[in-house]
Amino acid sequence: MINRKSKYELLKQRAYIIIYGTSTKAGRLFDLVLLGLILLSVLLVMMETVATFNLKYHSELVFLEWIITFFFTIEYVMRIISIQKPWRYIFSFYGIIDFLSIFPMYLSLVLVGSNVFTVVRALRLLRLFKILNHPQFNSQSVQLKRAINASRGKIIVFIYFVLIITILIGSIMYVVEGSESGFTSIPAGIYWTIVTLTTVGYGDISPVTPLGQFIASFVMILGYGIIAVPTGIVTAEIAKSHQKLTSHPETPCPGCGTDDYPENSNFCHKCGHSLDK
């Protein structure tokens, strides 16, 4: 009984190293095979929506999808079994995505056509970040994350400002153009403003009066400036983040442990502790 239990624990340990670890050859090979199957699965789902291809190879596509789903099911169960606290994985981001990647195929046995939602498996490709666990790659991702978090407030204010502009311009275009030009309501005017402001320009609604065309020209020019603003905000924060990362000293603050201070500082800006080296 003890021997069986020890063998089971050993198998769990080996499964954990292979499934969750990326530092071993077996773990990296498992992740690479997994990514290959995810790519193949997404490709199969996409090809199934091509009518001529699906008509010719429907049986083969369904067969391959079930094989991949069976493999993903075993993988999902092994991830739950091999971890000490399964609920942490089950309710984590990757755990939910892994469940959603297999659920639609089983649902298709009851609800026809639901297997198309297996395209959510594409989100599992995010595991590539775990495989590419390189210091330089991690440093760049941390830098980008810091820049986005730092610029979040500015971007929210900017989006709020753009929202006010779209409502005002959409209302003005409704009054200037009217239903004859396709501006049948203020929401329709707001839709036109968003499409024009983002420089997409579907052309399904267009102004015909001179004043409306003048406003449209102003909105088009304004659109290029609006696109540039958030890019500039994030870029500026990335530059600041890069400066902080490159200026980090080797010795952390003895008071709070932070290393986020300029190299020539005498006191920590967070806790005020002396930084005498």
Protein backbone atom coordinates (compact mmCIF):
# COMPACT_ATOMS: atom_id res chain seq x y z
CA MET A 1 0.00 0.00 0.00
CA ILE A 2 2.83 2.34 0.94
CA ASN A 3 4.74 1.35 -2.18
CA ARG A 4 1.72 2.13 -4.38
CA LYS A 5 1.30 5.48 -2.69
CA SER A 6 4.96 6.37 -3.15
CA LYS A 7 4.78 5.43 -6.83
CA TYR A 8 1.69 7.60 -7.25
CA GLU A 9 3.41 10.54 -5.57
CA LEU A 10 6.45 10.02 -7.77
CA LEU A 11 4.31 10.02 -10.91
CA LYS A 12 2.59 13.21 -9.72
CA GLN A 13 5.97 14.83 -9.16
CA ARG A 14 7.23 13.84 -12.60
CA ALA A 15 4.00 15.03 -14.23
CA TYR A 16 4.29 18.35 -12.40
CA ILE A 17 7.88 18.87 -13.61
CA ILE A 18 6.94 18.08 -17.21
CA ILE A 19 3.67 20.04 -17.33
CA TYR A 20 4.51 23.10 -15.23
CA GLY A 21 8.27 23.26 -15.60
CA THR A 22 10.13 24.91 -18.47
CA SER A 23 13.70 24.49 -17.24
CA THR A 24 13.85 20.80 -18.17
CA LYS A 25 14.11 19.32 -21.67
CA ALA A 26 10.95 17.27 -21.11
CA GLY A 27 9.04 20.35 -19.94
CA ARG A 28 10.12 22.46 -22.91
CA LEU A 29 9.35 19.62 -25.33
CA PHE A 30 5.89 19.23 -23.79
CA ASP A 31 5.17 22.96 -24.13
CA LEU A 32 6.40 23.03 -27.75
CA VAL A 33 4.23 20.02 -28.66
CA LEU A 34 1.31 21.66 -26.86
CA LEU A 35 1.74 24.91 -28.81
CA GLY A 36 1.94 22.96 -32.06
CA LEU A 37 -1.33 21.17 -31.29
CA ILE A 38 -2.98 24.48 -30.34
CA LEU A 39 -1.93 26.02 -33.68
CA LEU A 40 -3.18 22.93 -35.54
CA SER A 41 -6.47 23.02 -33.65
CA VAL A 42 -7.08 26.70 -34.44
CA LEU A 43 -6.22 26.04 -38.09
CA LEU A 44 -8.71 23.15 -38.22
CA VAL A 45 -11.49 25.32 -36.77
CA MET A 46 -10.77 28.04 -39.32
CA MET A 47 -10.67 25.61 -42.25
CA GLU A 48 -13.96 24.09 -41.13
CA THR A 49 -15.64 27.43 -41.85
CA VAL A 50 -14.45 27.28 -45.48
CA ALA A 51 -17.45 25.69 -47.19
CA THR A 52 -15.66 23.94 -50.07
CA PHE A 53 -12.86 22.59 -47.87
CA ASN A 54 -15.26 21.46 -45.14
CA LEU A 55 -17.50 19.70 -47.66
CA LYS A 56 -14.56 17.67 -48.94
CA TYR A 57 -12.74 16.92 -45.67
CA HIS A 58 -15.43 17.29 -43.00
CA SER A 59 -14.96 13.81 -41.51
CA GLU A 60 -11.19 14.20 -41.33
CA LEU A 61 -11.48 17.62 -39.70
CA VAL A 62 -13.89 16.38 -37.03
CA PHE A 63 -11.71 13.32 -36.38
CA LEU A 64 -8.57 15.42 -35.88
CA GLU A 65 -10.44 17.90 -33.67
CA TRP A 66 -11.62 15.08 -31.40
CA ILE A 67 -8.09 13.65 -31.15
CA ILE A 68 -6.73 17.06 -30.14
CA THR A 69 -9.62 17.60 -27.72
CA PHE A 70 -8.91 14.20 -26.14
CA PHE A 71 -5.25 15.17 -25.68
CA PHE A 72 -6.22 18.54 -24.18
CA THR A 73 -8.66 16.79 -21.83
CA ILE A 74 -5.93 14.47 -20.53
CA GLU A 75 -3.61 17.46 -20.16
CA TYR A 76 -6.28 19.41 -18.24
CA VAL A 77 -6.90 16.50 -15.86
CA MET A 78 -3.15 15.96 -15.34
CA ARG A 79 -2.68 19.64 -14.53
CA ILE A 80 -5.33 19.31 -11.81
CA ILE A 81 -3.99 16.04 -10.41
CA SER A 82 -0.31 16.96 -10.36
CA ILE A 83 -0.63 20.27 -8.49
CA GLN A 84 -0.88 20.59 -4.71
CA LYS A 85 -3.76 23.09 -4.75
CA PRO A 86 -5.88 22.30 -7.83
CA TRP A 87 -8.40 25.10 -7.27
CA ARG A 88 -5.66 27.68 -7.86
CA TYR A 89 -5.15 26.34 -11.35
CA ILE A 90 -8.85 25.69 -12.07
CA PHE A 91 -9.88 29.27 -11.32
CA SER A 92 -6.75 30.91 -12.73
CA PHE A 93 -6.69 32.66 -16.11
CA TYR A 94 -4.97 29.75 -17.84
CA GLY A 95 -7.16 27.22 -16.06
CA ILE A 96 -10.35 28.86 -17.32
CA ILE A 97 -8.95 29.14 -20.85
CA ASP A 98 -7.88 25.48 -20.79
CA PHE A 99 -11.40 24.45 -19.75
CA LEU A 100 -13.04 26.63 -22.41
CA SER A 101 -10.75 25.12 -25.03
CA ILE A 102 -12.21 21.63 -24.54
CA PHE A 103 -15.77 22.38 -23.43
CA PRO A 104 -17.22 23.43 -26.85
CA MET A 105 -16.36 20.09 -28.49
CA TYR A 106 -18.24 18.15 -25.81
CA LEU A 107 -21.07 20.68 -26.00
CA SER A 108 -21.30 20.06 -29.76
CA LEU A 109 -22.62 16.56 -28.97
CA VAL A 110 -25.76 18.27 -27.64
CA LEU A 111 -25.73 21.66 -29.38
CA VAL A 112 -24.80 21.46 -33.06
CA GLY A 113 -22.33 24.07 -34.30
CA SER A 114 -20.97 25.02 -30.87
CA ASN A 115 -17.58 23.47 -31.73
CA VAL A 116 -16.73 26.66 -33.62
CA PHE A 117 -16.11 28.26 -30.21
CA THR A 118 -13.04 26.05 -29.83
CA VAL A 119 -11.22 28.88 -31.59
CA VAL A 120 -10.78 30.20 -28.03
CA ARG A 121 -7.85 27.79 -27.97
CA ALA A 122 -5.87 30.55 -29.66
CA LEU A 123 -5.66 32.20 -26.22
CA ARG A 124 -3.64 29.22 -25.06
CA LEU A 125 -0.83 30.47 -27.30
CA LEU A 126 -0.14 32.94 -24.50
CA ARG A 127 1.79 30.09 -22.91
CA LEU A 128 4.54 31.07 -25.34
CA PHE A 129 5.53 33.75 -22.81
CA LYS A 130 6.22 31.01 -20.28
CA ILE A 131 8.40 29.09 -22.71
CA LEU A 132 10.38 32.17 -23.73
CA ASN A 133 11.50 32.67 -20.14
CA HIS A 134 14.58 34.66 -21.10
CA PRO A 135 15.94 37.45 -18.84
CA GLN A 136 16.00 39.99 -21.67
CA PHE A 137 12.47 39.03 -22.73
CA ASN A 138 11.22 39.31 -19.15
CA SER A 139 12.92 42.68 -18.75
CA GLN A 140 11.18 44.06 -21.84
CA SER A 141 7.79 42.74 -20.72
CA VAL A 142 8.23 44.30 -17.26
CA GLN A 143 9.24 47.58 -18.87
CA LEU A 144 6.15 47.59 -21.10
CA LYS A 145 3.88 46.68 -18.18
CA ARG A 146 5.27 49.52 -16.08
CA ALA A 147 4.81 51.98 -18.94
CA ILE A 148 1.17 50.96 -19.51
CA ASN A 149 0.36 51.12 -15.79
CA ALA A 150 2.02 54.52 -15.46
CA SER A 151 0.15 55.95 -18.45
CA ARG A 152 -3.20 54.38 -17.59
CA GLY A 153 -4.61 57.50 -15.94
CA LYS A 154 -3.61 59.78 -18.80
CA ILE A 155 -5.09 57.41 -21.38
CA ILE A 156 -8.40 57.18 -19.47
CA VAL A 157 -8.64 60.98 -19.36
CA PHE A 158 -7.80 61.14 -23.06
CA ILE A 159 -10.47 58.57 -23.98
CA TYR A 160 -13.01 60.47 -21.88
CA PHE A 161 -12.11 63.65 -23.77
CA VAL A 162 -12.47 61.86 -27.14
CA LEU A 163 -15.85 60.48 -26.04
CA ILE A 164 -17.11 64.00 -25.33
CA ILE A 165 -15.86 65.18 -28.74
CA THR A 166 -17.63 62.34 -30.57
CA ILE A 167 -20.92 63.10 -28.82
CA LEU A 168 -20.69 66.82 -29.62
CA ILE A 169 -19.65 66.37 -33.26
CA GLY A 170 -22.20 63.60 -33.80
CA SER A 171 -24.96 65.86 -32.48
CA ILE A 172 -23.80 68.77 -34.66
CA MET A 173 -23.72 66.58 -37.79
CA TYR A 174 -27.25 65.37 -37.05
CA VAL A 175 -28.43 68.99 -36.96
CA VAL A 176 -26.37 70.12 -39.99
CA GLU A 177 -26.98 67.18 -42.34
CA GLY A 178 -30.26 65.64 -41.22
CA SER A 179 -31.82 62.33 -42.21
CA GLU A 180 -31.53 63.09 -45.95
CA SER A 181 -27.78 62.47 -45.80
CA GLY A 182 -28.08 59.36 -43.63
CA PHE A 183 -27.73 61.09 -40.25
CA THR A 184 -31.08 59.77 -39.06
CA SER A 185 -30.31 60.16 -35.35
CA ILE A 186 -27.66 61.41 -32.94
CA PRO A 187 -26.35 57.85 -32.39
CA ALA A 188 -25.95 57.58 -36.18
CA GLY A 189 -24.01 60.85 -36.10
CA ILE A 190 -21.82 59.54 -33.28
CA TYR A 191 -21.18 56.35 -35.28
CA TRP A 192 -20.08 58.46 -38.27
CA THR A 193 -17.83 60.57 -36.02
CA ILE A 194 -16.10 57.51 -34.55
CA VAL A 195 -15.57 55.96 -37.99
CA THR A 196 -14.18 59.23 -39.37
CA LEU A 197 -12.14 60.09 -36.29
CA THR A 198 -10.39 56.72 -36.37
CA THR A 199 -9.60 57.28 -40.09
CA VAL A 200 -11.48 54.10 -41.06
CA GLY A 201 -14.02 55.83 -43.30
CA TYR A 202 -16.56 53.17 -44.32
CA GLY A 203 -18.35 55.64 -46.58
CA ASP A 204 -21.83 54.33 -45.76
CA ILE A 205 -22.71 57.77 -44.36
CA SER A 206 -21.20 60.95 -45.80
CA PRO A 207 -22.04 64.66 -45.53
CA VAL A 208 -23.29 66.52 -48.61
CA THR A 209 -23.64 70.11 -47.38
CA PRO A 210 -20.63 72.47 -47.49
CA LEU A 211 -20.72 72.98 -43.72
CA GLY A 212 -20.96 69.25 -43.11
CA GLN A 213 -18.00 68.59 -45.43
CA PHE A 214 -15.98 71.27 -43.63
CA ILE A 215 -16.70 69.62 -40.28
CA ALA A 216 -15.81 66.23 -41.79
CA SER A 217 -12.46 67.60 -43.00
CA PHE A 218 -11.75 68.95 -39.51
CA VAL A 219 -12.63 65.57 -37.94
CA MET A 220 -10.33 63.71 -40.38
CA ILE A 221 -7.38 65.95 -39.55
CA LEU A 222 -8.19 65.69 -35.84
CA GLY A 223 -8.16 61.91 -36.17
CA TYR A 224 -4.45 61.79 -37.01
CA GLY A 225 -3.63 63.82 -33.91
CA ILE A 226 -5.81 61.62 -31.72
CA ILE A 227 -4.03 58.48 -32.94
CA ALA A 228 -0.64 60.01 -32.11
CA VAL A 229 -1.47 61.13 -28.56
CA PRO A 230 -1.77 57.74 -26.76
CA THR A 231 1.26 56.47 -28.66
CA GLY A 232 3.27 59.43 -27.39
CA ILE A 233 2.06 58.92 -23.83
CA VAL A 234 3.07 55.25 -23.71
CA THR A 235 6.38 55.93 -25.50
CA ALA A 236 7.29 58.63 -22.97
CA GLU A 237 6.55 56.24 -20.09
CA ILE A 238 8.61 53.50 -21.73
CA ALA A 239 11.55 55.92 -21.97
CA LYS A 240 11.17 56.78 -18.26
CA SER A 241 10.91 53.10 -17.35
CA HIS A 242 13.99 52.28 -19.40
CA GLN A 243 15.91 55.05 -17.65
CA LYS A 244 14.93 53.66 -14.27
CA LEU A 245 15.88 50.13 -15.22
CA THR A 246 19.27 51.15 -16.56
CA SER A 247 20.04 53.40 -13.58
CA HIS A 248 19.30 50.82 -10.87
CA PRO A 249 22.20 50.43 -8.44
CA GLU A 250 23.45 47.05 -7.40
CA THR A 251 22.67 47.57 -3.68
CA PRO A 252 19.00 47.77 -2.62
CA CYS A 253 17.80 50.15 0.07
CA PRO A 254 18.52 48.64 3.52
CA GLY A 255 15.29 50.18 4.84
CA CYS A 256 12.63 48.97 2.38
CA GLY A 257 14.61 46.82 -0.07
CA THR A 258 13.76 48.85 -3.17
CA ASP A 259 16.33 49.38 -5.91
CA ASP A 260 14.20 51.91 -7.77
CA TYR A 261 16.30 55.00 -7.09
CA PRO A 262 18.92 56.99 -9.05
CA GLU A 263 22.47 55.78 -8.76
CA ASN A 264 23.83 58.87 -6.98
CA SER A 265 21.04 59.18 -4.39
CA ASN A 266 21.99 59.59 -0.72
CA PHE A 267 18.55 58.82 0.70
CA CYS A 268 15.74 56.49 -0.42
CA HIS A 269 12.78 58.41 -1.87
CA LYS A 270 10.34 55.81 -0.49
CA CYS A 271 11.36 55.36 3.14
CA GLY A 272 14.03 58.06 3.63
CA HIS A 273 16.67 55.59 4.80
CA SER A 274 20.31 56.51 4.26
CA LEU A 275 21.89 54.96 1.19
CA ASP A 276 25.51 55.31 2.30
CA LYS A 277 27.50 52.63 0.55
